[in-house]
Amino acid sequence: MKVGDLVKFESAFFHTATEGYANPGVILSESESSSAARQSYRVMWADMRVTTEHHCFLKLLTSS
């Protein structure tokens, strides 16, 4: 994933949290991480809210 990509919040474990996200979102920035397993992104959601999300909770919808 990279800046400008359209994503959706998705989690089987945090199912109730999924309802709190105004999908889709656009990736604003990528964290500086030395490990792919710790990769996270700042995302602006359809309701204009900005959050930082771990990569495993984001599903790529379209690539920029």
Protein backbone atom coordinates (compact mmCIF):
# COMPACT_ATOMS: atom_id res chain seq x y z
CA MET A 1 0.00 0.00 0.00
CA LYS A 2 1.09 3.55 -0.66
CA VAL A 3 -0.03 7.17 -0.30
CA GLY A 4 -3.19 7.80 -2.32
CA ASP A 5 -4.48 4.22 -2.23
CA LEU A 6 -8.15 3.69 -1.37
CA VAL A 7 -8.64 1.26 1.52
CA LYS A 8 -11.35 -0.27 3.68
CA PHE A 9 -11.08 -1.06 7.41
CA GLU A 10 -11.54 -4.78 7.89
CA SER A 11 -11.17 -6.99 10.95
CA ALA A 12 -12.69 -10.32 11.90
CA PHE A 13 -11.46 -9.94 15.49
CA PHE A 14 -12.70 -6.35 16.03
CA HIS A 15 -16.03 -6.82 14.25
CA THR A 16 -17.85 -4.16 16.28
CA ALA A 17 -15.05 -1.65 15.63
CA THR A 18 -15.60 -2.09 11.88
CA GLU A 19 -18.98 -0.38 12.25
CA GLY A 20 -17.25 2.78 13.53
CA TYR A 21 -15.36 3.43 10.30
CA ALA A 22 -16.75 5.48 7.42
CA ASN A 23 -15.32 3.43 4.54
CA PRO A 24 -13.57 3.98 2.24
CA GLY A 25 -10.45 5.81 3.34
CA VAL A 26 -7.41 7.18 1.54
CA ILE A 27 -3.85 6.63 2.76
CA LEU A 28 -2.25 9.97 3.70
CA SER A 29 1.14 8.74 4.87
CA GLU A 30 3.14 5.68 5.74
CA SER A 31 4.92 5.15 9.07
CA GLU A 32 8.68 4.91 9.26
CA SER A 33 9.15 1.29 10.32
CA SER A 34 12.09 -1.05 9.99
CA SER A 35 9.76 -4.06 9.97
CA ALA A 36 6.97 -4.88 7.52
CA ALA A 37 5.10 -6.54 10.39
CA ARG A 38 4.88 -3.18 12.21
CA GLN A 39 3.81 -1.15 9.17
CA SER A 40 1.05 1.38 9.80
CA TYR A 41 -0.64 4.14 7.84
CA ARG A 42 -2.42 7.44 8.51
CA VAL A 43 -5.82 7.18 6.82
CA MET A 44 -8.47 9.83 6.14
CA TRP A 45 -11.91 8.22 6.16
CA ALA A 46 -15.03 9.24 4.23
CA ASP A 47 -16.25 11.22 7.27
CA MET A 48 -12.96 13.24 7.20
CA ARG A 49 -11.69 11.60 10.39
CA VAL A 50 -7.97 10.72 10.35
CA THR A 51 -6.64 7.67 12.19
CA THR A 52 -3.45 5.59 12.26
CA GLU A 53 -4.07 1.97 11.37
CA HIS A 54 -1.93 -1.16 11.34
CA HIS A 55 -1.60 -2.62 7.83
CA CYS A 56 -3.36 -5.87 8.73
CA PHE A 57 -6.64 -4.00 9.33
CA LEU A 58 -6.64 -2.36 5.90
CA LYS A 59 -7.91 -3.95 2.72
CA LEU A 60 -6.70 -2.37 -0.53
CA LEU A 61 -9.61 -1.31 -2.75
CA THR A 62 -7.80 0.66 -5.47
CA SER A 63 -4.17 1.50 -6.04
CA SER A 64 -3.08 5.01 -7.00
